[in-house]
Amino acid sequence: MMLLRRFRPLDTSLRAWLAALACIATVFSVTPADAQVTAFKQAVAEAAASDRYIAAFYRDRGFAPIWTGDDPAHTARRKALIAALERAPLHGLPRGGAIDPARLLDAMAQVRTVRDVGRVEVALSKALLAYGRDVQTGVLVPGSVDSGIVRQVPYRDRLSYLVDFVAGDPADFLKSLPPQSNEYRRLMKARLHLEDVIARGGWGPRVRSRGLEPGAQGGAVVALRDRLVAMGYLERSARQSYDADMQRAVQDFQVDHGLETDGVAGPSTVAALNVPAEERLKSVIVAMERERWLPRDRGERHILVNLTDFTAKIIDDGEVTFRTRSVVGAANPDRRSPEFSDVMDHMIINPTWHVPRSIAVNEYLPQMQRNPHAVSHLRVVDGSGRVVPRSAIDFTRYTRNTFPFDIKQPPSNSNALGLVKFMFPNRHNIYLHDTPAKHLFEREKRAFSHGCIRLKQPFEFAYRLLAPQTDDPQGLFHSILRTGRETRVDLEQTVPVHLIYRTAVTSAKGRTGYRDDVYGRDARIWNALQAEGVALRALRG
């Protein structure tokens, strides 16, 4: 009876399933035992043939059932699975297909023969594998949605889902599958909150103004007030003017949304205020899918670069211990920063800039063809590493495909990489580095690089990384810097680096903030999720 009370909306189907079990018992009672076993095994083998993992699982256990018996263990497994499938939309997962609980319950209720039982047995196993993969490592294959998402998803061996499920407590096993990170839990709460907002009609009328400043009055200010109240940034009141309280509320909103915190509701602030709750919910659901793609173990100390937030952070035991502004790849298709995880193992102080081939032939070669002495701060180097005088080269003889030289910039204060770069060797040739172009860090949107990540405070970043291996990280760093020579410094404690892309940003203390979809990646992910059956919901009272 407890099972029926747990799933009251589906009482009819479950009662039918219990009745079906009685019918099966009757079938078993009048059918010779050997015939029962043979029919069940044949049905399981046929239904499992399309999935080699499920087929192997049942072969290894002599086709014994794990779901369709009437003993307590089988009942507990059915109950736990149906409960998890009912909760799938809470994780932003599709409800249909193999993990549709209503379809599974209907199949149970329609059981009339031993072969029907075998088919239901496999259908439940398929549902477990489909749900397990979706909730643990994502509905989508990242690279198939956007080529810039080159993340290696930590997929679990599919057979292990069934083996581990049977070996332990089924409810505990299913609860362990979603990401266990605080970020995922906060995103779950944000999703529930937004669904409630949508059910109540959203955040109210849009702010119809290109910009509002403190002291302003009128209808647009009232709309701004009401929207800030609905979003939780301002206490409810009848104020008609843009006063100091409203200015502080706007500043809080700007902090949460990565905007300049001037307290002025300028064009970018008004645009962010006017984004409807439905769009914010899409960002949260996409962020939950992205969280499923990340490694479970991020590292006690790790570096987190959120491309949409234009920040780089060092995180120790879950706490942000260092944060700096960053510049990321421009939105051009060939300059966007990729998303992946790797391990930082060294830094290079006074680096030489080895100009990437694409930049050398697409940007600098045309300039040198027009003027051989253009970009004179760069050296042209042959295959043996020797510097070749510009006067000895007829640049017009070469094309992008035939240019035989490398281009390098020696260490200097004006070097494109600045005075230090931080290396996590990867096939994408992406790293973090200093830059002489300091003015770009004052921009609100900072997508300007060729793909690598520039840091506003690279020296302080270096001190933090060196601190575990020296009592004087600043002194060590500057003693090497003063030599002017390119020097590699290995990190005794390597540090995982995660380049992520989140337009929904949570924090341990405070509200969920949002960022612009600078590369359009989240829009593509949402469209792909929607195609798989993910839908927005509104909580109804």
Protein backbone atom coordinates (compact mmCIF):
# COMPACT_ATOMS: atom_id res chain seq x y z
CA MET A 1 0.00 0.00 0.00
CA MET A 2 2.88 2.39 0.65
CA LEU A 3 3.84 2.17 -3.04
CA LEU A 4 0.32 3.14 -4.06
CA ARG A 5 0.26 6.10 -1.67
CA ARG A 6 3.60 7.36 -3.09
CA PHE A 7 2.23 7.48 -6.64
CA ARG A 8 -1.37 8.53 -6.09
CA PRO A 9 -1.81 10.13 -9.59
CA LEU A 10 -0.96 6.78 -11.15
CA ASP A 11 -3.05 4.57 -8.83
CA THR A 12 -5.03 3.10 -11.72
CA SER A 13 -1.97 1.93 -13.64
CA LEU A 14 -0.31 0.53 -10.56
CA ARG A 15 -3.42 -1.32 -9.51
CA ALA A 16 -3.60 -2.72 -13.03
CA TRP A 17 0.03 -3.78 -12.70
CA LEU A 18 -0.72 -5.59 -9.45
CA ALA A 19 -3.67 -7.26 -11.12
CA ALA A 20 -1.41 -8.21 -14.01
CA LEU A 21 0.97 -9.88 -11.57
CA ALA A 22 -1.91 -11.99 -10.38
CA CYS A 23 -2.64 -12.92 -14.00
CA ILE A 24 1.02 -13.85 -14.47
CA ALA A 25 0.86 -16.01 -11.37
CA THR A 26 -2.07 -17.77 -12.94
CA VAL A 27 -0.17 -18.22 -16.19
CA PHE A 28 2.79 -19.61 -14.26
CA SER A 29 0.53 -21.96 -12.31
CA VAL A 30 -0.92 -23.57 -15.46
CA THR A 31 2.21 -23.46 -17.60
CA PRO A 32 4.93 -26.07 -17.15
CA ALA A 33 7.97 -24.61 -15.39
CA ASP A 34 10.36 -25.41 -18.23
CA ALA A 35 8.08 -23.68 -20.71
CA GLN A 36 7.85 -20.60 -18.44
CA VAL A 37 11.62 -20.28 -18.21
CA THR A 38 12.14 -20.84 -21.90
CA ALA A 39 9.50 -18.31 -22.93
CA PHE A 40 10.82 -15.68 -20.51
CA LYS A 41 14.44 -16.17 -21.59
CA GLN A 42 13.55 -16.02 -25.26
CA ALA A 43 11.55 -12.82 -24.76
CA VAL A 44 14.37 -11.19 -22.79
CA ALA A 45 17.00 -12.24 -25.34
CA GLU A 46 14.95 -10.91 -28.24
CA ALA A 47 14.09 -7.60 -26.52
CA ALA A 48 17.71 -7.07 -25.38
CA ALA A 49 19.32 -7.97 -28.71
CA SER A 50 19.41 -4.33 -29.87
CA ASP A 51 21.53 -3.27 -26.87
CA ARG A 52 24.74 -5.23 -26.38
CA TYR A 53 25.19 -4.03 -22.80
CA ILE A 54 21.75 -5.15 -21.68
CA ALA A 55 22.13 -8.40 -23.63
CA ALA A 56 25.47 -9.09 -21.91
CA PHE A 57 24.01 -8.29 -18.50
CA TYR A 58 21.20 -10.83 -18.85
CA ARG A 59 23.44 -13.47 -20.40
CA ASP A 60 25.83 -13.18 -17.47
CA ARG A 61 23.01 -13.80 -14.99
CA GLY A 62 21.37 -16.62 -16.91
CA PHE A 63 18.50 -14.33 -17.94
CA ALA A 64 17.23 -14.13 -14.36
CA PRO A 65 14.94 -11.10 -13.88
CA ILE A 66 15.76 -8.08 -11.71
CA TRP A 67 12.42 -6.22 -12.02
CA THR A 68 9.49 -8.49 -12.68
CA GLY A 69 9.43 -10.83 -9.73
CA ASP A 70 7.03 -10.32 -6.83
CA ASP A 71 9.65 -10.44 -4.08
CA PRO A 72 10.53 -7.26 -2.07
CA ALA A 73 13.82 -6.62 -3.94
CA HIS A 74 12.08 -6.47 -7.33
CA THR A 75 9.27 -4.32 -5.92
CA ALA A 76 11.81 -1.86 -4.45
CA ARG A 77 13.62 -1.57 -7.79
CA ARG A 78 10.41 -0.84 -9.71
CA LYS A 79 9.33 1.68 -7.13
CA ALA A 80 12.70 3.47 -7.11
CA LEU A 81 12.95 3.63 -10.90
CA ILE A 82 9.42 4.96 -11.46
CA ALA A 83 9.98 7.57 -8.73
CA ALA A 84 13.21 8.70 -10.43
CA LEU A 85 11.55 8.89 -13.85
CA GLU A 86 8.73 10.96 -12.39
CA ARG A 87 11.38 13.43 -11.16
CA ALA A 88 13.23 13.58 -14.50
CA PRO A 89 11.73 16.96 -15.49
CA LEU A 90 13.13 18.44 -12.26
CA HIS A 91 16.56 17.84 -13.79
CA GLY A 92 15.61 19.43 -17.08
CA LEU A 93 15.46 16.03 -18.79
CA PRO A 94 13.07 14.90 -21.53
CA ARG A 95 10.10 12.92 -20.26
CA GLY A 96 9.21 10.81 -23.30
CA GLY A 97 10.77 7.85 -25.02
CA ALA A 98 12.38 5.09 -23.00
CA ILE A 99 12.10 7.02 -19.72
CA ASP A 100 8.38 7.81 -19.97
CA PRO A 101 6.96 6.43 -16.67
CA ALA A 102 3.38 6.43 -17.96
CA ARG A 103 4.36 4.28 -20.92
CA LEU A 104 6.21 1.85 -18.68
CA LEU A 105 3.29 1.60 -16.27
CA ASP A 106 0.93 0.99 -19.17
CA ALA A 107 3.21 -1.77 -20.46
CA MET A 108 3.16 -3.34 -17.01
CA ALA A 109 -0.61 -3.17 -16.86
CA GLN A 110 -0.94 -4.87 -20.26
CA VAL A 111 1.06 -7.94 -19.24
CA ARG A 112 -0.84 -11.13 -20.09
CA THR A 113 1.80 -13.73 -20.96
CA VAL A 114 5.22 -14.84 -19.80
CA ARG A 115 6.70 -13.32 -22.97
CA ASP A 116 5.04 -9.99 -22.05
CA VAL A 117 6.85 -10.17 -18.71
CA GLY A 118 10.18 -10.66 -20.51
CA ARG A 119 9.57 -7.63 -22.70
CA VAL A 120 8.66 -5.47 -19.69
CA GLU A 121 11.77 -6.72 -17.90
CA VAL A 122 14.00 -5.36 -20.68
CA ALA A 123 11.98 -2.16 -21.05
CA LEU A 124 12.66 -1.31 -17.41
CA SER A 125 16.38 -2.01 -17.86
CA LYS A 126 16.47 0.20 -20.94
CA ALA A 127 14.75 2.95 -18.97
CA LEU A 128 17.38 2.68 -16.23
CA LEU A 129 20.25 2.99 -18.70
CA ALA A 130 18.65 5.88 -20.59
CA TYR A 131 17.83 7.80 -17.43
CA GLY A 132 21.21 7.04 -15.86
CA ARG A 133 23.15 8.35 -18.84
CA ASP A 134 20.95 11.46 -19.21
CA VAL A 135 20.99 12.52 -15.57
CA GLN A 136 24.65 11.69 -14.90
CA THR A 137 26.50 12.81 -18.04
CA GLY A 138 23.94 14.66 -20.11
CA VAL A 139 21.28 14.26 -22.76
CA LEU A 140 23.49 15.66 -25.54
CA VAL A 141 26.92 14.90 -26.96
CA PRO A 142 28.59 18.34 -26.57
CA GLY A 143 30.73 18.35 -29.71
CA SER A 144 27.75 17.46 -31.88
CA VAL A 145 26.01 20.66 -30.80
CA ASP A 146 28.94 23.07 -31.16
CA SER A 147 32.45 22.31 -32.38
CA GLY A 148 33.87 24.71 -29.80
CA ILE A 149 32.75 22.43 -26.95
CA VAL A 150 35.66 19.99 -26.99
CA ARG A 151 35.03 18.68 -23.51
CA GLN A 152 35.70 15.01 -22.74
CA VAL A 153 32.55 13.95 -20.92
CA PRO A 154 33.26 11.38 -18.14
CA TYR A 155 30.90 8.72 -19.46
CA ARG A 156 30.23 5.73 -17.26
CA ASP A 157 30.38 2.16 -18.55
CA ARG A 158 26.76 1.41 -19.44
CA LEU A 159 26.85 -2.13 -18.10
CA SER A 160 27.86 -0.78 -14.70
CA TYR A 161 24.52 0.99 -14.31
CA LEU A 162 22.72 -2.36 -14.18
CA VAL A 163 25.40 -4.16 -12.16
CA ASP A 164 25.67 -1.44 -9.49
CA PHE A 165 21.92 -0.90 -9.36
CA VAL A 166 21.29 -4.55 -8.56
CA ALA A 167 24.17 -4.75 -6.07
CA GLY A 168 23.03 -1.90 -3.80
CA ASP A 169 20.03 0.00 -2.53
CA PRO A 170 18.11 1.06 -5.67
CA ALA A 171 16.86 4.41 -4.34
CA ASP A 172 20.32 5.39 -3.07
CA PHE A 173 21.91 4.39 -6.37
CA LEU A 174 19.50 6.53 -8.39
CA LYS A 175 19.97 9.51 -6.05
CA SER A 176 23.74 9.27 -6.57
CA LEU A 177 23.54 9.70 -10.36
CA PRO A 178 22.93 13.47 -10.79
CA PRO A 179 25.89 15.79 -10.17
CA GLN A 180 26.47 16.19 -6.45
CA SER A 181 28.03 19.65 -6.74
CA ASN A 182 26.71 22.68 -4.87
CA GLU A 183 26.42 24.41 -8.24
CA TYR A 184 23.98 21.78 -9.50
CA ARG A 185 21.90 22.00 -6.33
CA ARG A 186 21.71 25.77 -6.63
CA LEU A 187 20.69 25.48 -10.28
CA MET A 188 17.90 23.09 -9.26
CA LYS A 189 16.62 25.70 -6.80
CA ALA A 190 16.90 28.45 -9.41
CA ARG A 191 14.88 26.34 -11.83
CA LEU A 192 12.10 25.83 -9.26
CA HIS A 193 12.07 29.55 -8.48
CA LEU A 194 11.81 30.54 -12.13
CA GLU A 195 9.04 28.04 -12.77
CA ASP A 196 7.13 29.65 -9.90
CA VAL A 197 7.79 33.13 -11.36
CA ILE A 198 6.49 32.02 -14.76
CA ALA A 199 3.37 30.51 -13.19
CA ARG A 200 2.67 33.86 -11.52
CA GLY A 201 2.96 35.73 -14.81
CA GLY A 202 6.63 36.73 -14.84
CA TRP A 203 8.32 39.87 -13.58
CA GLY A 204 5.79 42.35 -14.88
CA PRO A 205 5.85 44.95 -17.69
CA ARG A 206 9.07 45.65 -19.55
CA VAL A 207 11.04 48.81 -18.84
CA ARG A 208 10.39 50.86 -21.96
CA SER A 209 13.37 53.19 -21.97
CA ARG A 210 16.83 53.27 -23.51
CA GLY A 211 18.25 54.42 -20.21
CA LEU A 212 17.34 55.86 -16.82
CA GLU A 213 19.50 57.77 -14.36
CA PRO A 214 19.07 58.60 -10.67
CA GLY A 215 16.57 61.42 -10.25
CA ALA A 216 14.42 60.34 -13.19
CA GLN A 217 10.63 60.05 -12.83
CA GLY A 218 7.73 58.76 -14.89
CA GLY A 219 6.21 55.53 -16.12
CA ALA A 220 9.51 53.91 -17.06
CA VAL A 221 10.81 54.45 -13.52
CA VAL A 222 7.67 52.81 -12.12
CA ALA A 223 8.21 49.83 -14.44
CA LEU A 224 11.85 49.68 -13.30
CA ARG A 225 10.71 49.76 -9.67
CA ASP A 226 8.16 47.01 -10.17
CA ARG A 227 10.59 44.79 -12.03
CA LEU A 228 13.27 45.20 -9.34
CA VAL A 229 10.66 44.38 -6.68
CA ALA A 230 9.52 41.26 -8.56
CA MET A 231 13.13 40.10 -8.93
CA GLY A 232 13.84 40.56 -5.23
CA TYR A 233 16.18 43.53 -5.47
CA LEU A 234 13.90 46.16 -3.93
CA GLU A 235 11.29 46.32 -1.19
CA ARG A 236 7.73 46.96 -2.36
CA SER A 237 6.83 50.67 -2.22
CA ALA A 238 4.94 53.42 -4.01
CA ARG A 239 8.07 55.41 -4.95
CA GLN A 240 7.78 57.28 -8.25
CA SER A 241 11.35 58.54 -8.62
CA TYR A 242 14.74 56.95 -9.21
CA ASP A 243 16.01 57.47 -5.65
CA ALA A 244 19.04 56.20 -3.71
CA ASP A 245 17.33 52.92 -2.78
CA MET A 246 16.55 52.21 -6.41
CA GLN A 247 20.11 53.09 -7.38
CA ARG A 248 21.46 50.55 -4.86
CA ALA A 249 19.04 47.94 -6.17
CA VAL A 250 20.23 48.58 -9.73
CA GLN A 251 23.82 48.22 -8.58
CA ASP A 252 23.02 44.87 -6.93
CA PHE A 253 21.37 43.74 -10.17
CA GLN A 254 24.44 44.86 -12.14
CA VAL A 255 26.77 42.89 -9.84
CA ASP A 256 24.70 39.74 -10.37
CA HIS A 257 24.67 40.20 -14.14
CA GLY A 258 28.31 41.12 -14.76
CA LEU A 259 27.54 44.73 -15.68
CA GLU A 260 29.33 47.94 -14.74
CA THR A 261 28.12 48.79 -11.24
CA ASP A 262 27.40 52.48 -11.72
CA GLY A 263 23.79 52.35 -10.52
CA VAL A 264 22.61 53.78 -13.83
CA ALA A 265 20.04 51.80 -15.77
CA GLY A 266 21.78 52.25 -19.12
CA PRO A 267 21.04 50.31 -22.32
CA SER A 268 22.82 47.08 -21.29
CA THR A 269 21.25 47.11 -17.82
CA VAL A 270 17.75 47.75 -19.19
CA ALA A 271 18.24 45.00 -21.78
CA ALA A 272 19.21 42.54 -19.02
CA LEU A 273 16.27 43.63 -16.85
CA ASN A 274 13.87 43.03 -19.72
CA VAL A 275 14.91 39.43 -20.41
CA PRO A 276 11.82 37.35 -19.59
CA ALA A 277 11.83 34.62 -16.96
CA GLU A 278 11.31 31.99 -19.66
CA GLU A 279 14.66 32.87 -21.24
CA ARG A 280 16.38 32.78 -17.86
CA LEU A 281 14.87 29.34 -17.24
CA LYS A 282 16.36 28.13 -20.51
CA SER A 283 19.77 29.35 -19.32
CA VAL A 284 19.39 27.43 -16.05
CA ILE A 285 18.33 24.20 -17.77
CA VAL A 286 21.26 24.51 -20.19
CA ALA A 287 23.61 25.16 -17.25
CA MET A 288 22.36 21.96 -15.59
CA GLU A 289 23.12 20.00 -18.75
CA ARG A 290 26.57 21.61 -18.89
CA GLU A 291 27.20 20.72 -15.24
CA ARG A 292 26.58 17.07 -16.14
CA TRP A 293 29.39 17.26 -18.71
CA LEU A 294 32.04 18.30 -16.18
CA PRO A 295 34.30 15.95 -14.21
CA ARG A 296 32.85 14.98 -10.84
CA ASP A 297 36.21 15.71 -9.21
CA ARG A 298 37.21 19.26 -10.19
CA GLY A 299 40.24 19.24 -7.89
CA GLU A 300 40.57 20.57 -4.34
CA ARG A 301 42.41 23.46 -5.95
CA HIS A 302 41.39 24.31 -9.49
CA ILE A 303 41.21 27.18 -11.93
CA LEU A 304 37.80 28.11 -13.32
CA VAL A 305 37.44 30.37 -16.36
CA ASN A 306 33.86 31.25 -17.25
CA LEU A 307 34.02 32.54 -20.80
CA THR A 308 30.70 34.41 -20.61
CA ASP A 309 31.64 36.05 -17.31
CA PHE A 310 35.08 37.23 -18.49
CA THR A 311 36.67 36.10 -15.22
CA ALA A 312 39.30 33.64 -14.08
CA LYS A 313 39.24 32.25 -10.55
CA ILE A 314 41.37 30.08 -8.31
CA ILE A 315 39.15 27.90 -6.15
CA ASP A 316 40.43 26.14 -3.03
CA ASP A 317 38.18 23.60 -1.28
CA GLY A 318 35.10 25.16 -2.84
CA GLU A 319 36.00 28.75 -1.94
CA VAL A 320 37.08 31.42 -4.44
CA THR A 321 40.49 32.54 -3.18
CA PHE A 322 41.48 34.66 -6.19
CA ARG A 323 39.52 36.34 -8.94
CA THR A 324 40.63 38.49 -11.86
CA ARG A 325 39.08 39.93 -14.98
CA SER A 326 39.85 38.17 -18.23
CA VAL A 327 39.68 38.75 -21.97
CA VAL A 328 38.47 35.77 -23.99
CA GLY A 329 38.29 34.86 -27.66
CA ALA A 330 36.38 37.17 -29.96
CA ALA A 331 32.98 36.05 -31.22
CA ASN A 332 34.33 35.46 -34.75
CA PRO A 333 33.99 31.76 -35.66
CA ASP A 334 37.77 31.24 -35.86
CA ARG A 335 38.58 33.06 -32.61
CA ARG A 336 36.13 31.70 -30.07
CA SER A 337 37.71 30.15 -26.99
CA PRO A 338 36.99 26.42 -26.73
CA GLU A 339 35.57 24.68 -23.66
CA PHE A 340 37.58 21.87 -22.10
CA SER A 341 39.42 20.76 -18.97
CA ASP A 342 43.13 20.07 -18.60
CA VAL A 343 45.93 20.37 -16.04
CA MET A 344 48.26 23.36 -15.58
CA ASP A 345 51.80 22.16 -14.86
CA HIS A 346 54.08 25.16 -15.49
CA MET A 347 54.38 28.85 -16.22
CA ILE A 348 56.82 30.65 -18.49
CA ILE A 349 58.21 33.97 -17.29
CA ASN A 350 59.47 36.36 -19.99
CA PRO A 351 57.83 34.27 -22.73
CA THR A 352 58.58 34.30 -26.43
CA TRP A 353 55.45 34.58 -28.52
CA HIS A 354 55.42 31.84 -31.12
CA VAL A 355 52.88 33.35 -33.48
CA PRO A 356 50.24 30.71 -34.37
CA ARG A 357 50.31 29.69 -38.00
CA SER A 358 46.81 31.00 -38.64
CA ILE A 359 47.74 34.48 -37.38
CA ALA A 360 51.11 34.46 -39.17
CA VAL A 361 49.70 33.71 -42.63
CA ASN A 362 46.30 35.37 -42.38
CA GLU A 363 47.27 38.60 -40.63
CA TYR A 364 51.02 39.25 -40.78
CA LEU A 365 51.97 37.80 -44.16
CA PRO A 366 49.63 40.19 -46.08
CA GLN A 367 51.12 43.13 -44.15
CA MET A 368 54.70 42.07 -44.97
CA GLN A 369 53.76 41.54 -48.62
CA ARG A 370 52.73 45.18 -48.76
CA ASN A 371 55.70 46.35 -46.70
CA PRO A 372 58.56 43.92 -45.86
CA HIS A 373 59.37 45.92 -42.76
CA ALA A 374 55.86 45.93 -41.32
CA VAL A 375 55.38 44.58 -37.79
CA SER A 376 59.10 45.03 -37.26
CA HIS A 377 58.88 43.90 -33.63
CA LEU A 378 58.41 40.35 -34.94
CA ARG A 379 61.23 38.06 -36.08
CA VAL A 380 61.05 35.79 -39.11
CA VAL A 381 62.64 32.42 -38.35
CA ASP A 382 63.54 29.54 -40.67
CA GLY A 383 63.14 25.83 -40.03
CA SER A 384 66.51 25.69 -38.25
CA GLY A 385 65.52 28.39 -35.80
CA ARG A 386 67.70 31.08 -37.38
CA VAL A 387 66.44 34.64 -37.71
CA VAL A 388 66.19 35.61 -41.39
CA PRO A 389 66.65 39.28 -42.36
CA ARG A 390 63.56 40.80 -43.95
CA SER A 391 65.74 42.06 -46.81
CA ALA A 392 66.52 38.45 -47.78
CA ILE A 393 62.85 37.49 -48.23
CA ASP A 394 60.51 38.26 -51.11
CA PHE A 395 57.23 37.89 -49.23
CA THR A 396 55.19 38.26 -52.41
CA ARG A 397 56.45 34.85 -53.59
CA TYR A 398 54.47 33.07 -50.91
CA THR A 399 50.86 32.23 -50.24
CA ARG A 400 49.18 31.24 -47.01
CA ASN A 401 49.89 27.61 -47.86
CA THR A 402 53.51 27.97 -49.00
CA PHE A 403 54.93 30.46 -46.46
CA PRO A 404 57.93 28.48 -45.06
CA PHE A 405 58.84 30.61 -42.04
CA ASP A 406 57.81 30.91 -38.43
CA ILE A 407 57.19 34.27 -36.80
CA LYS A 408 58.22 34.98 -33.23
CA GLN A 409 58.27 37.90 -30.82
CA PRO A 410 61.11 37.83 -28.26
CA PRO A 411 60.50 38.56 -24.54
CA SER A 412 59.79 42.23 -23.77
CA ASN A 413 57.31 44.48 -22.03
CA SER A 414 55.47 44.86 -25.34
CA ASN A 415 55.31 41.12 -26.06
CA ALA A 416 51.78 40.07 -27.03
CA LEU A 417 51.84 37.54 -24.17
CA GLY A 418 53.03 40.12 -21.68
CA LEU A 419 55.56 38.93 -19.12
CA VAL A 420 54.15 35.55 -18.11
CA LYS A 421 52.02 32.77 -19.51
CA PHE A 422 50.43 29.82 -17.73
CA MET A 423 50.55 26.49 -19.50
CA PHE A 424 48.20 23.50 -19.45
CA PRO A 425 49.49 21.84 -22.65
CA ASN A 426 46.61 20.92 -24.93
CA ARG A 427 45.97 20.27 -28.61
CA HIS A 428 43.99 23.51 -28.89
CA ASN A 429 47.06 25.66 -28.08
CA ILE A 430 45.11 27.58 -25.45
CA TYR A 431 46.74 29.07 -22.35
CA LEU A 432 46.36 31.94 -19.89
CA HIS A 433 48.68 34.93 -20.17
CA ASP A 434 49.53 38.54 -19.43
CA THR A 435 48.98 41.24 -22.07
CA PRO A 436 50.21 44.77 -22.76
CA ALA A 437 46.66 45.73 -23.85
CA LYS A 438 45.51 46.62 -20.35
CA HIS A 439 42.76 48.98 -21.50
CA LEU A 440 40.57 46.09 -22.66
CA PHE A 441 39.99 44.98 -19.08
CA GLU A 442 37.93 48.11 -18.46
CA ARG A 443 35.34 47.04 -21.05
CA GLU A 444 32.09 45.49 -19.86
CA LYS A 445 32.18 42.81 -22.58
CA ARG A 446 35.70 41.45 -23.07
CA ALA A 447 35.74 39.10 -26.09
CA PHE A 448 38.75 40.33 -28.08
CA SER A 449 41.50 37.69 -28.17
CA HIS A 450 42.39 35.03 -30.73
CA GLY A 451 41.18 32.35 -28.30
CA CYS A 452 43.65 32.36 -25.40
CA ILE A 453 42.68 33.85 -22.04
CA ARG A 454 44.29 37.15 -21.01
CA LEU A 455 44.45 38.01 -17.30
CA LYS A 456 44.22 41.47 -15.78
CA GLN A 457 46.33 40.49 -12.73
CA PRO A 458 48.76 37.87 -14.03
CA PHE A 459 51.50 38.56 -11.46
CA GLU A 460 49.12 38.07 -8.53
CA PHE A 461 47.80 34.94 -10.25
CA ALA A 462 51.38 33.64 -10.45
CA TYR A 463 52.04 34.39 -6.76
CA ARG A 464 49.00 32.30 -5.79
CA LEU A 465 50.12 29.37 -7.92
CA LEU A 466 53.67 29.48 -6.56
CA ALA A 467 52.67 29.87 -2.90
CA PRO A 468 52.54 26.10 -2.15
CA GLN A 469 56.17 25.64 -3.20
CA THR A 470 57.98 28.68 -1.80
CA ASP A 471 57.83 30.95 1.24
CA ASP A 472 58.37 33.99 -0.98
CA PRO A 473 56.40 33.51 -4.21
CA GLN A 474 56.55 37.18 -5.12
CA GLY A 475 60.32 37.34 -4.59
CA LEU A 476 60.88 34.17 -6.62
CA PHE A 477 58.73 35.43 -9.47
CA HIS A 478 60.43 38.82 -9.72
CA SER A 479 63.95 37.42 -9.39
CA ILE A 480 63.29 35.45 -12.57
CA LEU A 481 61.43 38.31 -14.25
CA ARG A 482 64.38 40.67 -13.77
CA THR A 483 66.68 38.42 -15.80
CA GLY A 484 64.70 39.15 -18.94
CA ARG A 485 65.33 35.56 -20.06
CA GLU A 486 62.61 33.14 -20.99
CA THR A 487 62.35 30.74 -18.04
CA ARG A 488 60.09 27.77 -17.38
CA VAL A 489 58.91 27.33 -13.79
CA ASP A 490 57.25 23.99 -13.05
CA LEU A 491 54.40 23.79 -10.58
CA GLU A 492 55.13 21.21 -7.91
CA GLN A 493 51.37 20.88 -7.42
CA THR A 494 49.63 20.73 -10.78
CA VAL A 495 46.27 22.47 -10.98
CA PRO A 496 43.22 21.36 -13.00
CA VAL A 497 41.91 24.05 -15.34
CA HIS A 498 38.28 24.16 -16.43
CA LEU A 499 37.22 26.47 -19.26
CA ILE A 500 33.46 26.61 -18.96
CA TYR A 501 30.63 28.61 -20.54
CA ARG A 502 27.75 29.49 -18.22
CA THR A 503 25.09 32.10 -18.84
CA ALA A 504 23.40 31.20 -15.53
CA VAL A 505 25.79 31.90 -12.65
CA THR A 506 25.04 30.89 -9.06
CA SER A 507 26.81 31.76 -5.84
CA ALA A 508 26.78 30.30 -2.35
CA LYS A 509 25.38 33.55 -0.99
CA GLY A 510 22.98 35.50 -3.12
CA ARG A 511 20.80 35.28 -6.18
CA THR A 512 21.40 33.62 -9.52
CA GLY A 513 22.92 35.99 -12.05
CA TYR A 514 22.99 35.77 -15.82
CA ARG A 515 25.39 36.57 -18.64
CA ASP A 516 25.05 37.13 -22.37
CA ASP A 517 25.34 34.15 -24.72
CA VAL A 518 28.41 35.70 -26.38
CA TYR A 519 29.03 32.83 -28.84
CA GLY A 520 25.42 31.66 -29.22
CA ARG A 521 26.35 28.26 -27.80
CA ASP A 522 23.63 28.13 -25.16
CA ALA A 523 20.97 28.88 -27.77
CA ARG A 524 22.18 25.91 -29.81
CA ILE A 525 22.21 23.67 -26.74
CA TRP A 526 18.68 24.70 -25.80
CA ASN A 527 17.43 24.00 -29.33
CA ALA A 528 19.05 20.56 -29.20
CA LEU A 529 17.55 19.83 -25.78
CA GLN A 530 14.14 20.93 -27.01
CA ALA A 531 14.48 18.59 -29.99
CA GLU A 532 15.09 15.77 -27.49
CA GLY A 533 11.86 16.60 -25.67
CA VAL A 534 12.96 18.99 -22.91
CA ALA A 535 10.26 21.57 -22.22
CA LEU A 536 9.76 24.58 -19.97
CA ARG A 537 7.37 24.08 -17.08
CA ALA A 538 5.46 26.46 -14.83
CA LEU A 539 4.68 25.39 -11.27
CA ARG A 540 0.96 25.54 -10.57
CA GLY A 541 -0.43 25.89 -7.09
